[in-house]
């Protein structure tokens, strides 16, 4: 499975000169936790990624005056990107190496086609693991039907002292 199959293609961008209030309002309106910060050029160039966490830690967490800050000032730059053909493992490795929770997904020309979060990766990996778990369980059920288990008579089974007690010698 490559990353393009799970990335979110509804990338929300914001101009680098937008206010932090505009960025927060856009996140709220679009129900996203990250914005791709872009220049006013044609075509727009990606400056970085601005997250809700950036706003909370860099703005709300500081006592400094932030009225003059713009989206471009807080955007994590340069943004970390992976090719659309990158595997889930390659994408997770890129997040680990760069210490980020989101990656841009780009095509061969460097155009942004989506964004993927650590949560998206966890969801995809857990689905793959679920398939494996189901395969193992169905194998056990198949084996139960094919193999006959010999019945053993009632025998004495060992008894162990209760948890936290000391066995008598």
C-alpha atoms as a PDB file:
ATOM      1  CA  UNK A   1       0.000   0.000   0.000  1.00  0.00           C
ATOM      2  CA  UNK A   2       1.430   3.379  -0.888  1.00  0.00           C
ATOM      3  CA  UNK A   3       0.804   6.619   0.939  1.00  0.00           C
ATOM      4  CA  UNK A   4      -1.311   8.132  -1.837  1.00  0.00           C
ATOM      5  CA  UNK A   5      -4.037   5.596  -1.063  1.00  0.00           C
ATOM      6  CA  UNK A   6      -4.551   6.916   2.462  1.00  0.00           C
ATOM      7  CA  UNK A   7      -3.603  10.587   2.273  1.00  0.00           C
ATOM      8  CA  UNK A   8      -6.267  13.237   2.633  1.00  0.00           C
ATOM      9  CA  UNK A   9      -6.653  14.992  -0.666  1.00  0.00           C
ATOM     10  CA  UNK A  10      -8.671  17.902   0.666  1.00  0.00           C
ATOM     11  CA  UNK A  11      -5.644  20.009   1.553  1.00  0.00           C
ATOM     12  CA  UNK A  12      -6.543  23.407   2.981  1.00  0.00           C
ATOM     13  CA  UNK A  13      -4.142  26.216   2.203  1.00  0.00           C
ATOM     14  CA  UNK A  14      -3.710  29.682   3.618  1.00  0.00           C
ATOM     15  CA  UNK A  15      -1.582  32.624   2.460  1.00  0.00           C
ATOM     16  CA  UNK A  16       1.632  33.181   4.420  1.00  0.00           C
ATOM     17  CA  UNK A  17       0.492  36.751   5.170  1.00  0.00           C
ATOM     18  CA  UNK A  18      -2.793  35.645   6.824  1.00  0.00           C
ATOM     19  CA  UNK A  19      -3.215  36.512  10.490  1.00  0.00           C
ATOM     20  CA  UNK A  20      -3.107  33.811  13.123  1.00  0.00           C
ATOM     21  CA  UNK A  21      -6.744  34.562  13.902  1.00  0.00           C
ATOM     22  CA  UNK A  22      -7.607  33.891  10.234  1.00  0.00           C
ATOM     23  CA  UNK A  23      -5.626  30.649  10.376  1.00  0.00           C
ATOM     24  CA  UNK A  24      -7.411  29.463  13.507  1.00  0.00           C
ATOM     25  CA  UNK A  25     -10.800  30.432  12.066  1.00  0.00           C
ATOM     26  CA  UNK A  26     -10.056  28.544   8.840  1.00  0.00           C
ATOM     27  CA  UNK A  27      -9.033  25.438  10.789  1.00  0.00           C
ATOM     28  CA  UNK A  28     -12.282  25.640  12.702  1.00  0.00           C
ATOM     29  CA  UNK A  29     -14.377  26.229   9.589  1.00  0.00           C
ATOM     30  CA  UNK A  30     -12.750  23.389   7.624  1.00  0.00           C
ATOM     31  CA  UNK A  31     -12.425  21.039  10.630  1.00  0.00           C
ATOM     32  CA  UNK A  32      -8.706  20.447  10.047  1.00  0.00           C
ATOM     33  CA  UNK A  33      -5.691  20.447  12.335  1.00  0.00           C
ATOM     34  CA  UNK A  34      -3.198  21.683   9.760  1.00  0.00           C
ATOM     35  CA  UNK A  35      -2.988  24.253   7.003  1.00  0.00           C
ATOM     36  CA  UNK A  36      -0.562  24.352   4.119  1.00  0.00           C
ATOM     37  CA  UNK A  37       0.935  27.845   4.137  1.00  0.00           C
ATOM     38  CA  UNK A  38       1.545  29.167   0.629  1.00  0.00           C
ATOM     39  CA  UNK A  39       2.952  32.213  -1.129  1.00  0.00           C
ATOM     40  CA  UNK A  40       0.895  34.502  -3.310  1.00  0.00           C
ATOM     41  CA  UNK A  41       2.849  33.396  -6.404  1.00  0.00           C
ATOM     42  CA  UNK A  42       1.221  31.734  -9.383  1.00  0.00           C
ATOM     43  CA  UNK A  43       1.362  28.816  -8.920  1.00  0.00           C
ATOM     44  CA  UNK A  44       1.481  29.110  -5.140  1.00  0.00           C
ATOM     45  CA  UNK A  45       4.648  27.785  -3.501  1.00  0.00           C
ATOM     46  CA  UNK A  46       4.435  25.901  -0.216  1.00  0.00           C
ATOM     47  CA  UNK A  47       6.120  27.780   2.618  1.00  0.00           C
ATOM     48  CA  UNK A  48       5.369  25.278   5.368  1.00  0.00           C
ATOM     49  CA  UNK A  49       2.694  23.633   7.456  1.00  0.00           C
ATOM     50  CA  UNK A  50       0.874  25.382  10.304  1.00  0.00           C
ATOM     51  CA  UNK A  51      -0.815  23.132  12.866  1.00  0.00           C
ATOM     52  CA  UNK A  52      -3.281  23.643  15.660  1.00  0.00           C
ATOM     53  CA  UNK A  53      -0.481  22.535  17.969  1.00  0.00           C
ATOM     54  CA  UNK A  54       1.744  25.323  16.612  1.00  0.00           C
ATOM     55  CA  UNK A  55      -0.971  27.831  17.451  1.00  0.00           C
ATOM     56  CA  UNK A  56      -1.475  26.437  20.937  1.00  0.00           C
ATOM     57  CA  UNK A  57       2.201  26.177  21.853  1.00  0.00           C
ATOM     58  CA  UNK A  58       3.611  29.202  20.072  1.00  0.00           C
ATOM     59  CA  UNK A  59       0.780  31.641  20.607  1.00  0.00           C
ATOM     60  CA  UNK A  60      -1.344  30.666  23.578  1.00  0.00           C
ATOM     61  CA  UNK A  61       1.618  29.244  25.465  1.00  0.00           C
ATOM     62  CA  UNK A  62       3.650  32.454  25.255  1.00  0.00           C
ATOM     63  CA  UNK A  63       3.142  35.756  26.971  1.00  0.00           C
ATOM     64  CA  UNK A  64       4.893  37.733  24.219  1.00  0.00           C
ATOM     65  CA  UNK A  65       2.979  40.020  21.906  1.00  0.00           C
ATOM     66  CA  UNK A  66       1.853  37.985  18.907  1.00  0.00           C
ATOM     67  CA  UNK A  67      -0.401  40.468  17.126  1.00  0.00           C
ATOM     68  CA  UNK A  68       2.121  41.008  14.331  1.00  0.00           C
ATOM     69  CA  UNK A  69       2.767  37.330  13.684  1.00  0.00           C
ATOM     70  CA  UNK A  70       1.456  35.821  10.473  1.00  0.00           C
ATOM     71  CA  UNK A  71       0.822  32.250   9.378  1.00  0.00           C
ATOM     72  CA  UNK A  72       4.115  32.220   7.508  1.00  0.00           C
ATOM     73  CA  UNK A  73       6.024  33.100  10.687  1.00  0.00           C
ATOM     74  CA  UNK A  74       4.823  30.001  12.539  1.00  0.00           C
ATOM     75  CA  UNK A  75       4.722  27.540   9.658  1.00  0.00           C
ATOM     76  CA  UNK A  76       7.124  24.644  10.036  1.00  0.00           C
ATOM     77  CA  UNK A  77       9.533  25.180   7.190  1.00  0.00           C
ATOM     78  CA  UNK A  78      10.628  23.562   5.112  1.00  0.00           C
ATOM     79  CA  UNK A  79       7.683  21.187   5.104  1.00  0.00           C
ATOM     80  CA  UNK A  80       8.491  17.495   5.046  1.00  0.00           C
ATOM     81  CA  UNK A  81       7.153  15.716   1.988  1.00  0.00           C
ATOM     82  CA  UNK A  82       7.100  12.168   0.688  1.00  0.00           C
ATOM     83  CA  UNK A  83       6.446  10.848  -2.777  1.00  0.00           C
ATOM     84  CA  UNK A  84       2.965   9.534  -3.482  1.00  0.00           C
ATOM     85  CA  UNK A  85       4.546   6.120  -4.033  1.00  0.00           C
ATOM     86  CA  UNK A  86       6.166   6.014  -0.565  1.00  0.00           C
ATOM     87  CA  UNK A  87       5.207   3.081   1.625  1.00  0.00           C
ATOM     88  CA  UNK A  88       3.597   3.412   5.046  1.00  0.00           C
ATOM     89  CA  UNK A  89       6.936   2.437   6.596  1.00  0.00           C
ATOM     90  CA  UNK A  90       8.862   5.046   4.580  1.00  0.00           C
ATOM     91  CA  UNK A  91       6.348   7.693   5.590  1.00  0.00           C
ATOM     92  CA  UNK A  92       6.547   6.759   9.268  1.00  0.00           C
ATOM     93  CA  UNK A  93      10.354   6.830   9.029  1.00  0.00           C
ATOM     94  CA  UNK A  94      10.213  10.332   7.522  1.00  0.00           C
ATOM     95  CA  UNK A  95       8.003  11.495  10.404  1.00  0.00           C
ATOM     96  CA  UNK A  96      10.405   9.992  12.917  1.00  0.00           C
ATOM     97  CA  UNK A  97      13.510  11.435  11.280  1.00  0.00           C
ATOM     98  CA  UNK A  98      12.094  14.958  10.992  1.00  0.00           C
ATOM     99  CA  UNK A  99      10.108  14.939  14.245  1.00  0.00           C
ATOM    100  CA  UNK A 100       6.799  15.846  12.594  1.00  0.00           C
ATOM    101  CA  UNK A 101       3.259  14.478  12.770  1.00  0.00           C
ATOM    102  CA  UNK A 102       2.167  15.401   9.259  1.00  0.00           C
ATOM    103  CA  UNK A 103       3.666  15.025   5.802  1.00  0.00           C
ATOM    104  CA  UNK A 104       2.826  16.528   2.464  1.00  0.00           C
ATOM    105  CA  UNK A 105       2.299  13.931  -0.243  1.00  0.00           C
ATOM    106  CA  UNK A 106       3.651  15.041  -3.608  1.00  0.00           C
ATOM    107  CA  UNK A 107       3.564  13.768  -7.177  1.00  0.00           C
ATOM    108  CA  UNK A 108       6.583  13.313  -9.444  1.00  0.00           C
ATOM    109  CA  UNK A 109       6.592  17.029 -10.296  1.00  0.00           C
ATOM    110  CA  UNK A 110       6.538  18.106  -6.645  1.00  0.00           C
ATOM    111  CA  UNK A 111       2.887  19.134  -6.758  1.00  0.00           C
ATOM    112  CA  UNK A 112       0.991  18.630  -3.507  1.00  0.00           C
ATOM    113  CA  UNK A 113      -1.657  15.948  -3.882  1.00  0.00           C
ATOM    114  CA  UNK A 114      -2.460  15.433  -0.218  1.00  0.00           C
ATOM    115  CA  UNK A 115      -1.462  15.448   3.402  1.00  0.00           C
ATOM    116  CA  UNK A 116      -1.064  12.516   5.768  1.00  0.00           C
ATOM    117  CA  UNK A 117      -0.981  12.540   9.544  1.00  0.00           C
ATOM    118  CA  UNK A 118       0.426  10.125  12.083  1.00  0.00           C
ATOM    119  CA  UNK A 119      -3.186   9.266  12.912  1.00  0.00           C
ATOM    120  CA  UNK A 120      -3.819   8.338   9.270  1.00  0.00           C
ATOM    121  CA  UNK A 121      -0.766   6.060   9.325  1.00  0.00           C
ATOM    122  CA  UNK A 122      -1.876   4.424  12.568  1.00  0.00           C
ATOM    123  CA  UNK A 123      -5.299   3.748  11.095  1.00  0.00           C
ATOM    124  CA  UNK A 124      -3.877   2.162   7.946  1.00  0.00           C
ATOM    125  CA  UNK A 125      -1.332   0.073   9.836  1.00  0.00           C
ATOM    126  CA  UNK A 126      -3.982  -1.124  12.300  1.00  0.00           C
ATOM    127  CA  UNK A 127      -6.192  -2.194   9.394  1.00  0.00           C
ATOM    128  CA  UNK A 128      -3.298  -4.197   7.944  1.00  0.00           C
ATOM    129  CA  UNK A 129      -2.670  -5.795  11.335  1.00  0.00           C
ATOM    130  CA  UNK A 130      -6.368  -6.590  11.666  1.00  0.00           C
ATOM    131  CA  UNK A 131      -6.244  -8.500   8.385  1.00  0.00           C
ATOM    132  CA  UNK A 132      -3.299 -10.501   9.705  1.00  0.00           C
ATOM    133  CA  UNK A 133      -5.084 -11.245  12.993  1.00  0.00           C
ATOM    134  CA  UNK A 134      -8.140 -12.474  11.086  1.00  0.00           C
ATOM    135  CA  UNK A 135      -5.934 -14.661   8.882  1.00  0.00           C
ATOM    136  CA  UNK A 136      -4.355 -16.253  11.949  1.00  0.00           C
ATOM    137  CA  UNK A 137      -7.727 -16.832  13.604  1.00  0.00           C
ATOM    138  CA  UNK A 138      -9.244 -18.387  10.486  1.00  0.00           C
ATOM    139  CA  UNK A 139      -6.199 -20.662  10.206  1.00  0.00           C
ATOM    140  CA  UNK A 140      -6.741 -21.894  13.753  1.00  0.00           C
ATOM    141  CA  UNK A 141     -10.438 -22.520  13.047  1.00  0.00           C
ATOM    142  CA  UNK A 142      -9.531 -24.406   9.872  1.00  0.00           C
ATOM    143  CA  UNK A 143      -7.049 -26.539  11.778  1.00  0.00           C
ATOM    144  CA  UNK A 144      -9.620 -27.321  14.464  1.00  0.00           C
ATOM    145  CA  UNK A 145     -11.949 -28.689  11.800  1.00  0.00           C
ATOM    146  CA  UNK A 146      -9.262 -30.745  10.080  1.00  0.00           C
ATOM    147  CA  UNK A 147      -7.459 -32.201  13.075  1.00  0.00           C
ATOM    148  CA  UNK A 148      -8.961 -34.424  15.702  1.00  0.00           C
ATOM    149  CA  UNK A 149      -7.808 -33.689  19.196  1.00  0.00           C
ATOM    150  CA  UNK A 150      -7.403 -36.694  21.428  1.00  0.00           C
ATOM    151  CA  UNK A 151      -9.532 -36.467  24.521  1.00  0.00           C
ATOM    152  CA  UNK A 152      -7.645 -36.981  27.764  1.00  0.00           C
ATOM    153  CA  UNK A 153      -9.313 -38.339  30.833  1.00  0.00           C
ATOM    154  CA  UNK A 154      -9.679 -36.186  33.884  1.00  0.00           C
ATOM    155  CA  UNK A 155      -6.265 -35.869  35.396  1.00  0.00           C
ATOM    156  CA  UNK A 156      -4.875 -33.955  38.240  1.00  0.00           C
ATOM    157  CA  UNK A 157      -3.696 -30.584  37.198  1.00  0.00           C
ATOM    158  CA  UNK A 158      -1.023 -28.664  39.023  1.00  0.00           C
ATOM    159  CA  UNK A 159      -2.178 -26.018  41.432  1.00  0.00           C
ATOM    160  CA  UNK A 160      -0.089 -22.949  42.064  1.00  0.00           C
ATOM    161  CA  UNK A 161      -0.264 -20.707  45.090  1.00  0.00           C
ATOM    162  CA  UNK A 162      -2.361 -17.594  44.743  1.00  0.00           C
ATOM    163  CA  UNK A 163      -0.817 -14.418  43.473  1.00  0.00           C
ATOM    164  CA  UNK A 164       1.209 -12.709  46.145  1.00  0.00           C
ATOM    165  CA  UNK A 165       1.491 -15.689  48.454  1.00  0.00           C
ATOM    166  CA  UNK A 166       4.534 -17.706  49.331  1.00  0.00           C
ATOM    167  CA  UNK A 167       4.408 -21.439  48.608  1.00  0.00           C
ATOM    168  CA  UNK A 168       4.815 -23.755  51.550  1.00  0.00           C
ATOM    169  CA  UNK A 169       7.946 -25.870  51.432  1.00  0.00           C
END
